[in-house]
Amino acid sequence: ARDPREVGTSSTTAYYWMNEELGPDFLWRFWTEM
């Protein structure tokens, strides 16, 4: 994956965060478990 902390990827991070069926839990597990 492209580094989510850098310019050009933030909208993807925002989508997962704002999607009510995914949200913070999905993001945390994706980056820490996979």
PDB file of all heavy atoms in Angstrom:
ATOM      1  N   ALA A   1       0.839  -1.202   0.000  1.00  0.00           N
ATOM      2  CA  ALA A   1       0.000   0.000   0.000  1.00  0.00           C
ATOM      3  C   ALA A   1       0.868   1.245   0.000  1.00  0.00           C
ATOM      4  O   ALA A   1       2.009   1.221   0.505  1.00  0.00           O
ATOM      5  CB  ALA A   1      -0.918   0.018   1.220  1.00  0.00           C
ATOM      6  N   ARG A   2       0.354   2.294  -0.580  1.00  0.00           N
ATOM      7  CA  ARG A   2       1.006   3.589  -0.442  1.00  0.00           C
ATOM      8  C   ARG A   2       0.873   4.051   1.007  1.00  0.00           C
ATOM      9  O   ARG A   2      -0.142   3.794   1.659  1.00  0.00           O
ATOM     10  CB  ARG A   2       0.384   4.604  -1.394  1.00  0.00           C
ATOM     11  CG  ARG A   2       0.681   4.321  -2.848  1.00  0.00           C
ATOM     12  CD  ARG A   2       0.029   5.351  -3.735  1.00  0.00           C
ATOM     13  NE  ARG A   2       0.557   6.690  -3.473  1.00  0.00           N
ATOM     14  CZ  ARG A   2       0.026   7.801  -3.950  1.00  0.00           C
ATOM     15  NH1 ARG A   2      -1.087   7.745  -4.685  1.00  0.00           N
ATOM     16  NH2 ARG A   2       0.564   8.975  -3.684  1.00  0.00           N
ATOM     17  N   ASP A   3       1.888   4.716   1.484  1.00  0.00           N
ATOM     18  CA  ASP A   3       1.909   5.143   2.877  1.00  0.00           C
ATOM     19  C   ASP A   3       0.732   6.081   3.155  1.00  0.00           C
ATOM     20  O   ASP A   3       0.636   7.162   2.551  1.00  0.00           O
ATOM     21  CB  ASP A   3       3.226   5.862   3.171  1.00  0.00           C
ATOM     22  CG  ASP A   3       3.486   6.015   4.669  1.00  0.00           C
ATOM     23  OD1 ASP A   3       2.515   6.290   5.409  1.00  0.00           O
ATOM     24  OD2 ASP A   3       4.642   5.864   5.086  1.00  0.00           O
ATOM     25  N   PRO A   4      -0.173   5.723   4.050  1.00  0.00           N
ATOM     26  CA  PRO A   4      -1.367   6.533   4.295  1.00  0.00           C
ATOM     27  C   PRO A   4      -1.076   7.852   4.999  1.00  0.00           C
ATOM     28  O   PRO A   4      -1.957   8.703   5.108  1.00  0.00           O
ATOM     29  CB  PRO A   4      -2.233   5.629   5.169  1.00  0.00           C
ATOM     30  CG  PRO A   4      -1.253   4.776   5.897  1.00  0.00           C
ATOM     31  CD  PRO A   4      -0.139   4.522   4.905  1.00  0.00           C
ATOM     32  N   ARG A   5       0.136   8.047   5.479  1.00  0.00           N
ATOM     33  CA  ARG A   5       0.490   9.272   6.173  1.00  0.00           C
ATOM     34  C   ARG A   5       0.955  10.363   5.221  1.00  0.00           C
ATOM     35  O   ARG A   5       1.210  11.498   5.647  1.00  0.00           O
ATOM     36  CB  ARG A   5       1.596   8.975   7.201  1.00  0.00           C
ATOM     37  CG  ARG A   5       1.157   8.034   8.318  1.00  0.00           C
ATOM     38  CD  ARG A   5       2.318   7.457   9.086  1.00  0.00           C
ATOM     39  NE  ARG A   5       3.132   6.562   8.262  1.00  0.00           N
ATOM     40  CZ  ARG A   5       4.051   5.718   8.734  1.00  0.00           C
ATOM     41  NH1 ARG A   5       4.247   5.654  10.049  1.00  0.00           N
ATOM     42  NH2 ARG A   5       4.756   4.947   7.919  1.00  0.00           N
ATOM     43  N   GLU A   6       1.066  10.045   3.937  1.00  0.00           N
ATOM     44  CA  GLU A   6       1.617  10.992   2.978  1.00  0.00           C
ATOM     45  C   GLU A   6       0.533  11.577   2.078  1.00  0.00           C
ATOM     46  O   GLU A   6      -0.565  11.019   1.939  1.00  0.00           O
ATOM     47  CB  GLU A   6       2.696  10.300   2.132  1.00  0.00           C
ATOM     48  CG  GLU A   6       3.877   9.841   2.972  1.00  0.00           C
ATOM     49  CD  GLU A   6       4.979   9.205   2.147  1.00  0.00           C
ATOM     50  OE1 GLU A   6       4.773   9.034   0.919  1.00  0.00           O
ATOM     51  OE2 GLU A   6       6.034   8.879   2.723  1.00  0.00           O
ATOM     52  N   VAL A   7       0.884  12.728   1.482  1.00  0.00           N
ATOM     53  CA  VAL A   7      -0.043  13.424   0.587  1.00  0.00           C
ATOM     54  C   VAL A   7      -0.436  12.509  -0.562  1.00  0.00           C
ATOM     55  O   VAL A   7       0.388  11.795  -1.122  1.00  0.00           O
ATOM     56  CB  VAL A   7       0.620  14.709   0.042  1.00  0.00           C
ATOM     57  CG1 VAL A   7      -0.259  15.344  -1.038  1.00  0.00           C
ATOM     58  CG2 VAL A   7       0.867  15.698   1.164  1.00  0.00           C
ATOM     59  N   GLY A   8      -1.715  12.530  -0.902  1.00  0.00           N
ATOM     60  CA  GLY A   8      -2.202  11.754  -2.036  1.00  0.00           C
ATOM     61  C   GLY A   8      -2.971  10.511  -1.645  1.00  0.00           C
ATOM     62  O   GLY A   8      -3.557   9.849  -2.503  1.00  0.00           O
ATOM     63  N   THR A   9      -2.972  10.196  -0.360  1.00  0.00           N
ATOM     64  CA  THR A   9      -3.666   8.984   0.087  1.00  0.00           C
ATOM     65  C   THR A   9      -4.729   9.266   1.145  1.00  0.00           C
ATOM     66  O   THR A   9      -5.453   8.361   1.561  1.00  0.00           O
ATOM     67  CB  THR A   9      -2.658   7.979   0.682  1.00  0.00           C
ATOM     68  OG1 THR A   9      -2.038   8.572   1.828  1.00  0.00           O
ATOM     69  CG2 THR A   9      -1.583   7.605  -0.327  1.00  0.00           C
ATOM     70  N   SER A  10      -4.813  10.503   1.594  1.00  0.00           N
ATOM     71  CA  SER A  10      -5.651  10.811   2.753  1.00  0.00           C
ATOM     72  C   SER A  10      -7.133  10.536   2.521  1.00  0.00           C
ATOM     73  O   SER A  10      -7.853  10.162   3.454  1.00  0.00           O
ATOM     74  CB  SER A  10      -5.460  12.272   3.160  1.00  0.00           C
ATOM     75  OG  SER A  10      -5.788  13.145   2.100  1.00  0.00           O
ATOM     76  N   SER A  11      -7.618  10.717   1.287  1.00  0.00           N
ATOM     77  CA  SER A  11      -9.050  10.504   1.050  1.00  0.00           C
ATOM     78  C   SER A  11      -9.436   9.039   1.246  1.00  0.00           C
ATOM     79  O   SER A  11     -10.561   8.743   1.661  1.00  0.00           O
ATOM     80  CB  SER A  11      -9.440  10.970  -0.350  1.00  0.00           C
ATOM     81  OG  SER A  11      -8.749  10.230  -1.344  1.00  0.00           O
ATOM     82  N   THR A  12      -8.496   8.124   0.953  1.00  0.00           N
ATOM     83  CA  THR A  12      -8.781   6.700   1.181  1.00  0.00           C
ATOM     84  C   THR A  12      -8.912   6.423   2.674  1.00  0.00           C
ATOM     85  O   THR A  12      -9.829   5.720   3.118  1.00  0.00           O
ATOM     86  CB  THR A  12      -7.666   5.825   0.581  1.00  0.00           C
ATOM     87  OG1 THR A  12      -7.549   6.112  -0.811  1.00  0.00           O
ATOM     88  CG2 THR A  12      -7.998   4.348   0.761  1.00  0.00           C
ATOM     89  N   THR A  13      -8.000   6.979   3.449  1.00  0.00           N
ATOM     90  CA  THR A  13      -8.081   6.833   4.902  1.00  0.00           C
ATOM     91  C   THR A  13      -9.391   7.408   5.424  1.00  0.00           C
ATOM     92  O   THR A  13     -10.056   6.802   6.277  1.00  0.00           O
ATOM     93  CB  THR A  13      -6.895   7.538   5.570  1.00  0.00           C
ATOM     94  OG1 THR A  13      -5.673   6.976   5.095  1.00  0.00           O
ATOM     95  CG2 THR A  13      -6.963   7.408   7.083  1.00  0.00           C
ATOM     96  N   ALA A  14      -9.779   8.576   4.906  1.00  0.00           N
ATOM     97  CA  ALA A  14     -11.022   9.215   5.339  1.00  0.00           C
ATOM     98  C   ALA A  14     -12.227   8.338   5.025  1.00  0.00           C
ATOM     99  O   ALA A  14     -13.175   8.260   5.818  1.00  0.00           O
ATOM    100  CB  ALA A  14     -11.179  10.577   4.674  1.00  0.00           C
ATOM    101  N   TYR A  15     -12.203   7.669   3.876  1.00  0.00           N
ATOM    102  CA  TYR A  15     -13.340   6.818   3.502  1.00  0.00           C
ATOM    103  C   TYR A  15     -13.527   5.685   4.506  1.00  0.00           C
ATOM    104  O   TYR A  15     -14.638   5.441   4.984  1.00  0.00           O
ATOM    105  CB  TYR A  15     -13.141   6.244   2.103  1.00  0.00           C
ATOM    106  CG  TYR A  15     -14.079   5.088   1.812  1.00  0.00           C
ATOM    107  CD1 TYR A  15     -15.447   5.318   1.670  1.00  0.00           C
ATOM    108  CD2 TYR A  15     -13.611   3.783   1.722  1.00  0.00           C
ATOM    109  CE1 TYR A  15     -16.321   4.263   1.431  1.00  0.00           C
ATOM    110  CE2 TYR A  15     -14.472   2.729   1.486  1.00  0.00           C
ATOM    111  CZ  TYR A  15     -15.833   2.975   1.344  1.00  0.00           C
ATOM    112  OH  TYR A  15     -16.692   1.939   1.117  1.00  0.00           O
ATOM    113  N   TYR A  16     -12.461   4.985   4.819  1.00  0.00           N
ATOM    114  CA  TYR A  16     -12.577   3.880   5.774  1.00  0.00           C
ATOM    115  C   TYR A  16     -13.006   4.386   7.156  1.00  0.00           C
ATOM    116  O   TYR A  16     -13.782   3.734   7.860  1.00  0.00           O
ATOM    117  CB  TYR A  16     -11.250   3.119   5.875  1.00  0.00           C
ATOM    118  CG  TYR A  16     -10.976   2.235   4.679  1.00  0.00           C
ATOM    119  CD1 TYR A  16      -9.970   2.536   3.770  1.00  0.00           C
ATOM    120  CD2 TYR A  16     -11.733   1.086   4.461  1.00  0.00           C
ATOM    121  CE1 TYR A  16      -9.718   1.725   2.677  1.00  0.00           C
ATOM    122  CE2 TYR A  16     -11.492   0.262   3.369  1.00  0.00           C
ATOM    123  CZ  TYR A  16     -10.488   0.593   2.475  1.00  0.00           C
ATOM    124  OH  TYR A  16     -10.252  -0.209   1.391  1.00  0.00           O
ATOM    125  N   TRP A  17     -12.499   5.544   7.534  1.00  0.00           N
ATOM    126  CA  TRP A  17     -12.836   6.119   8.836  1.00  0.00           C
ATOM    127  C   TRP A  17     -14.305   6.528   8.904  1.00  0.00           C
ATOM    128  O   TRP A  17     -14.983   6.298   9.906  1.00  0.00           O
ATOM    129  CB  TRP A  17     -11.934   7.318   9.093  1.00  0.00           C
ATOM    130  CG  TRP A  17     -12.193   8.072  10.354  1.00  0.00           C
ATOM    131  CD1 TRP A  17     -13.011   9.154  10.523  1.00  0.00           C
ATOM    132  CD2 TRP A  17     -11.631   7.817  11.643  1.00  0.00           C
ATOM    133  NE1 TRP A  17     -12.988   9.595  11.821  1.00  0.00           N
ATOM    134  CE2 TRP A  17     -12.136   8.795  12.537  1.00  0.00           C
ATOM    135  CE3 TRP A  17     -10.732   6.874  12.131  1.00  0.00           C
ATOM    136  CZ2 TRP A  17     -11.783   8.850  13.876  1.00  0.00           C
ATOM    137  CZ3 TRP A  17     -10.367   6.921  13.471  1.00  0.00           C
ATOM    138  CH2 TRP A  17     -10.902   7.889  14.335  1.00  0.00           C
ATOM    139  N   MET A  18     -14.813   7.141   7.833  1.00  0.00           N
ATOM    140  CA  MET A  18     -16.162   7.693   7.836  1.00  0.00           C
ATOM    141  C   MET A  18     -17.238   6.666   7.511  1.00  0.00           C
ATOM    142  O   MET A  18     -18.412   6.892   7.807  1.00  0.00           O
ATOM    143  CB  MET A  18     -16.240   8.844   6.824  1.00  0.00           C
ATOM    144  CG  MET A  18     -15.359  10.029   7.197  1.00  0.00           C
ATOM    145  SD  MET A  18     -15.212  11.255   5.862  1.00  0.00           S
ATOM    146  CE  MET A  18     -16.901  11.786   5.721  1.00  0.00           C
ATOM    147  N   ASN A  19     -16.862   5.561   6.905  1.00  0.00           N
ATOM    148  CA  ASN A  19     -17.840   4.530   6.570  1.00  0.00           C
ATOM    149  C   ASN A  19     -18.330   3.866   7.864  1.00  0.00           C
ATOM    150  O   ASN A  19     -17.548   3.280   8.614  1.00  0.00           O
ATOM    151  CB  ASN A  19     -17.209   3.483   5.649  1.00  0.00           C
ATOM    152  CG  ASN A  19     -18.226   2.526   5.074  1.00  0.00           C
ATOM    153  OD1 ASN A  19     -19.020   1.929   5.786  1.00  0.00           O
ATOM    154  ND2 ASN A  19     -18.196   2.359   3.765  1.00  0.00           N
ATOM    155  N   GLU A  20     -19.618   3.960   8.114  1.00  0.00           N
ATOM    156  CA  GLU A  20     -20.165   3.474   9.383  1.00  0.00           C
ATOM    157  C   GLU A  20     -20.024   1.964   9.548  1.00  0.00           C
ATOM    158  O   GLU A  20     -20.073   1.459  10.669  1.00  0.00           O
ATOM    159  CB  GLU A  20     -21.647   3.869   9.490  1.00  0.00           C
ATOM    160  CG  GLU A  20     -21.857   5.377   9.574  1.00  0.00           C
ATOM    161  CD  GLU A  20     -23.318   5.750   9.678  1.00  0.00           C
ATOM    162  OE1 GLU A  20     -24.175   4.835   9.579  1.00  0.00           O
ATOM    163  OE2 GLU A  20     -23.619   6.952   9.847  1.00  0.00           O
ATOM    164  N   GLU A  21     -19.841   1.234   8.463  1.00  0.00           N
ATOM    165  CA  GLU A  21     -19.675  -0.220   8.555  1.00  0.00           C
ATOM    166  C   GLU A  21     -18.216  -0.641   8.695  1.00  0.00           C
ATOM    167  O   GLU A  21     -17.922  -1.835   8.812  1.00  0.00           O
ATOM    168  CB  GLU A  21     -20.292  -0.887   7.330  1.00  0.00           C
ATOM    169  CG  GLU A  21     -21.793  -0.660   7.187  1.00  0.00           C
ATOM    170  CD  GLU A  21     -22.374  -1.401   5.999  1.00  0.00           C
ATOM    171  OE1 GLU A  21     -22.167  -2.630   5.913  1.00  0.00           O
ATOM    172  OE2 GLU A  21     -23.016  -0.750   5.158  1.00  0.00           O
ATOM    173  N   LEU A  22     -17.302   0.324   8.685  1.00  0.00           N
ATOM    174  CA  LEU A  22     -15.875   0.028   8.822  1.00  0.00           C
ATOM    175  C   LEU A  22     -15.310   0.814  10.007  1.00  0.00           C
ATOM    176  O   LEU A  22     -15.209   0.280  11.089  1.00  0.00           O
ATOM    177  CB  LEU A  22     -15.151   0.366   7.514  1.00  0.00           C
ATOM    178  CG  LEU A  22     -15.604  -0.467   6.298  1.00  0.00           C
ATOM    179  CD1 LEU A  22     -15.056   0.110   5.004  1.00  0.00           C
ATOM    180  CD2 LEU A  22     -15.180  -1.922   6.466  1.00  0.00           C
ATOM    181  N   GLY A  23     -14.926   2.062   9.772  1.00  0.00           N
ATOM    182  CA  GLY A  23     -14.560   2.941  10.880  1.00  0.00           C
ATOM    183  C   GLY A  23     -13.212   2.654  11.523  1.00  0.00           C
ATOM    184  O   GLY A  23     -12.362   1.943  10.981  1.00  0.00           O
ATOM    185  N   PRO A  24     -12.994   3.229  12.709  1.00  0.00           N
ATOM    186  CA  PRO A  24     -11.698   3.132  13.391  1.00  0.00           C
ATOM    187  C   PRO A  24     -11.243   1.703  13.649  1.00  0.00           C
ATOM    188  O   PRO A  24     -10.049   1.409  13.551  1.00  0.00           O
ATOM    189  CB  PRO A  24     -11.947   3.871  14.712  1.00  0.00           C
ATOM    190  CG  PRO A  24     -13.090   4.797  14.424  1.00  0.00           C
ATOM    191  CD  PRO A  24     -13.960   4.077  13.449  1.00  0.00           C
ATOM    192  N   ASP A  25     -12.168   0.810  13.960  1.00  0.00           N
ATOM    193  CA  ASP A  25     -11.792  -0.563  14.275  1.00  0.00           C
ATOM    194  C   ASP A  25     -11.167  -1.254  13.069  1.00  0.00           C
ATOM    195  O   ASP A  25     -10.145  -1.929  13.182  1.00  0.00           O
ATOM    196  CB  ASP A  25     -13.015  -1.341  14.766  1.00  0.00           C
ATOM    197  CG  ASP A  25     -12.650  -2.733  15.255  1.00  0.00           C
ATOM    198  OD1 ASP A  25     -11.581  -2.884  15.894  1.00  0.00           O
ATOM    199  OD2 ASP A  25     -13.419  -3.680  14.995  1.00  0.00           O
ATOM    200  N   PHE A  26     -11.767  -1.074  11.911  1.00  0.00           N
ATOM    201  CA  PHE A  26     -11.209  -1.698  10.709  1.00  0.00           C
ATOM    202  C   PHE A  26      -9.812  -1.151  10.431  1.00  0.00           C
ATOM    203  O   PHE A  26      -8.877  -1.923  10.154  1.00  0.00           O
ATOM    204  CB  PHE A  26     -12.113  -1.458   9.497  1.00  0.00           C
ATOM    205  CG  PHE A  26     -11.505  -1.949   8.217  1.00  0.00           C
ATOM    206  CD1 PHE A  26     -11.610  -3.280   7.847  1.00  0.00           C
ATOM    207  CD2 PHE A  26     -10.792  -1.088   7.382  1.00  0.00           C
ATOM    208  CE1 PHE A  26     -11.017  -3.752   6.676  1.00  0.00           C
ATOM    209  CE2 PHE A  26     -10.202  -1.537   6.215  1.00  0.00           C
ATOM    210  CZ  PHE A  26     -10.317  -2.880   5.860  1.00  0.00           C
ATOM    211  N   LEU A  27      -9.659   0.168  10.478  1.00  0.00           N
ATOM    212  CA  LEU A  27      -8.358   0.753  10.193  1.00  0.00           C
ATOM    213  C   LEU A  27      -7.286   0.247  11.158  1.00  0.00           C
ATOM    214  O   LEU A  27      -6.167  -0.100  10.744  1.00  0.00           O
ATOM    215  CB  LEU A  27      -8.434   2.284  10.281  1.00  0.00           C
ATOM    216  CG  LEU A  27      -9.010   3.009   9.063  1.00  0.00           C
ATOM    217  CD1 LEU A  27      -9.185   4.489   9.367  1.00  0.00           C
ATOM    218  CD2 LEU A  27      -8.109   2.827   7.844  1.00  0.00           C
ATOM    219  N   TRP A  28      -7.605   0.211  12.427  1.00  0.00           N
ATOM    220  CA  TRP A  28      -6.618  -0.227  13.408  1.00  0.00           C
ATOM    221  C   TRP A  28      -6.180  -1.678  13.148  1.00  0.00           C
ATOM    222  O   TRP A  28      -4.978  -1.981  13.119  1.00  0.00           O
ATOM    223  CB  TRP A  28      -7.166  -0.091  14.828  1.00  0.00           C
ATOM    224  CG  TRP A  28      -6.114  -0.341  15.877  1.00  0.00           C
ATOM    225  CD1 TRP A  28      -5.773  -1.542  16.427  1.00  0.00           C
ATOM    226  CD2 TRP A  28      -5.261   0.638  16.457  1.00  0.00           C
ATOM    227  NE1 TRP A  28      -4.757  -1.385  17.331  1.00  0.00           N
ATOM    228  CE2 TRP A  28      -4.420  -0.044  17.373  1.00  0.00           C
ATOM    229  CE3 TRP A  28      -5.132   2.020  16.322  1.00  0.00           C
ATOM    230  CZ2 TRP A  28      -3.450   0.612  18.120  1.00  0.00           C
ATOM    231  CZ3 TRP A  28      -4.157   2.677  17.080  1.00  0.00           C
ATOM    232  CH2 TRP A  28      -3.341   1.973  17.959  1.00  0.00           C
ATOM    233  N   ARG A  29      -7.128  -2.537  12.929  1.00  0.00           N
ATOM    234  CA  ARG A  29      -6.799  -3.940  12.713  1.00  0.00           C
ATOM    235  C   ARG A  29      -6.047  -4.148  11.394  1.00  0.00           C
ATOM    236  O   ARG A  29      -5.119  -4.961  11.307  1.00  0.00           O
ATOM    237  CB  ARG A  29      -8.068  -4.786  12.730  1.00  0.00           C
ATOM    238  CG  ARG A  29      -8.720  -4.881  14.096  1.00  0.00           C
ATOM    239  CD  ARG A  29      -9.872  -5.870  14.076  1.00  0.00           C
ATOM    240  NE  ARG A  29      -9.422  -7.214  13.665  1.00  0.00           N
ATOM    241  CZ  ARG A  29     -10.225  -8.228  13.368  1.00  0.00           C
ATOM    242  NH1 ARG A  29     -11.541  -8.047  13.421  1.00  0.00           N
ATOM    243  NH2 ARG A  29      -9.734  -9.388  13.010  1.00  0.00           N
ATOM    244  N   PHE A  30      -6.445  -3.400  10.364  1.00  0.00           N
ATOM    245  CA  PHE A  30      -5.782  -3.548   9.064  1.00  0.00           C
ATOM    246  C   PHE A  30      -4.298  -3.202   9.175  1.00  0.00           C
ATOM    247  O   PHE A  30      -3.435  -3.936   8.680  1.00  0.00           O
ATOM    248  CB  PHE A  30      -6.460  -2.653   8.026  1.00  0.00           C
ATOM    249  CG  PHE A  30      -5.868  -2.753   6.643  1.00  0.00           C
ATOM    250  CD1 PHE A  30      -6.208  -3.813   5.816  1.00  0.00           C
ATOM    251  CD2 PHE A  30      -4.965  -1.807   6.176  1.00  0.00           C
ATOM    252  CE1 PHE A  30      -5.663  -3.927   4.542  1.00  0.00           C
ATOM    253  CE2 PHE A  30      -4.421  -1.909   4.910  1.00  0.00           C
ATOM    254  CZ  PHE A  30      -4.770  -2.976   4.083  1.00  0.00           C
ATOM    255  N   TRP A  31      -3.982  -2.076   9.848  1.00  0.00           N
ATOM    256  CA  TRP A  31      -2.591  -1.633   9.922  1.00  0.00           C
ATOM    257  C   TRP A  31      -1.774  -2.398  10.961  1.00  0.00           C
ATOM    258  O   TRP A  31      -0.544  -2.458  10.861  1.00  0.00           O
ATOM    259  CB  TRP A  31      -2.527  -0.143  10.219  1.00  0.00           C
ATOM    260  CG  TRP A  31      -3.052   0.713   9.104  1.00  0.00           C
ATOM    261  CD1 TRP A  31      -4.059   1.622   9.174  1.00  0.00           C
ATOM    262  CD2 TRP A  31      -2.596   0.747   7.751  1.00  0.00           C
ATOM    263  NE1 TRP A  31      -4.266   2.213   7.955  1.00  0.00           N
ATOM    264  CE2 TRP A  31      -3.380   1.684   7.057  1.00  0.00           C
ATOM    265  CE3 TRP A  31      -1.608   0.058   7.049  1.00  0.00           C
ATOM    266  CZ2 TRP A  31      -3.210   1.981   5.704  1.00  0.00           C
ATOM    267  CZ3 TRP A  31      -1.431   0.340   5.697  1.00  0.00           C
ATOM    268  CH2 TRP A  31      -2.215   1.288   5.031  1.00  0.00           C
ATOM    269  N   THR A  32      -2.418  -2.982  11.938  1.00  0.00           N
ATOM    270  CA  THR A  32      -1.653  -3.663  12.992  1.00  0.00           C
ATOM    271  C   THR A  32      -1.595  -5.175  12.829  1.00  0.00           C
ATOM    272  O   THR A  32      -0.684  -5.817  13.361  1.00  0.00           O
ATOM    273  CB  THR A  32      -2.242  -3.339  14.377  1.00  0.00           C
ATOM    274  OG1 THR A  32      -3.601  -3.779  14.433  1.00  0.00           O
ATOM    275  CG2 THR A  32      -2.174  -1.837  14.662  1.00  0.00           C
ATOM    276  N   GLU A  33      -2.534  -5.742  12.087  1.00  0.00           N
ATOM    277  CA  GLU A  33      -2.595  -7.213  12.004  1.00  0.00           C
ATOM    278  C   GLU A  33      -2.108  -7.777  10.676  1.00  0.00           C
ATOM    279  O   GLU A  33      -1.701  -8.951  10.624  1.00  0.00           O
ATOM    280  CB  GLU A  33      -4.038  -7.691  12.226  1.00  0.00           C
ATOM    281  CG  GLU A  33      -4.593  -7.408  13.610  1.00  0.00           C
ATOM    282  CD  GLU A  33      -6.027  -7.879  13.757  1.00  0.00           C
ATOM    283  OE1 GLU A  33      -6.521  -8.633  12.874  1.00  0.00           O
ATOM    284  OE2 GLU A  33      -6.677  -7.490  14.746  1.00  0.00           O
ATOM    285  N   MET A  34      -2.139  -7.010   9.575  1.00  0.00           N
ATOM    286  CA  MET A  34      -1.971  -7.598   8.250  1.00  0.00           C
ATOM    287  C   MET A  34      -0.564  -7.468   7.681  1.00  0.00           C
ATOM    288  O   MET A  34      -0.319  -7.888   6.538  1.00  0.00           O
ATOM    289  CB  MET A  34      -2.987  -6.987   7.274  1.00  0.00           C
ATOM    290  CG  MET A  34      -4.432  -7.146   7.722  1.00  0.00           C
ATOM    291  SD  MET A  34      -4.811  -8.818   8.355  1.00  0.00           S
ATOM    292  CE  MET A  34      -4.518  -9.822   6.915  1.00  0.00           C
TER     293      MET A  34
END
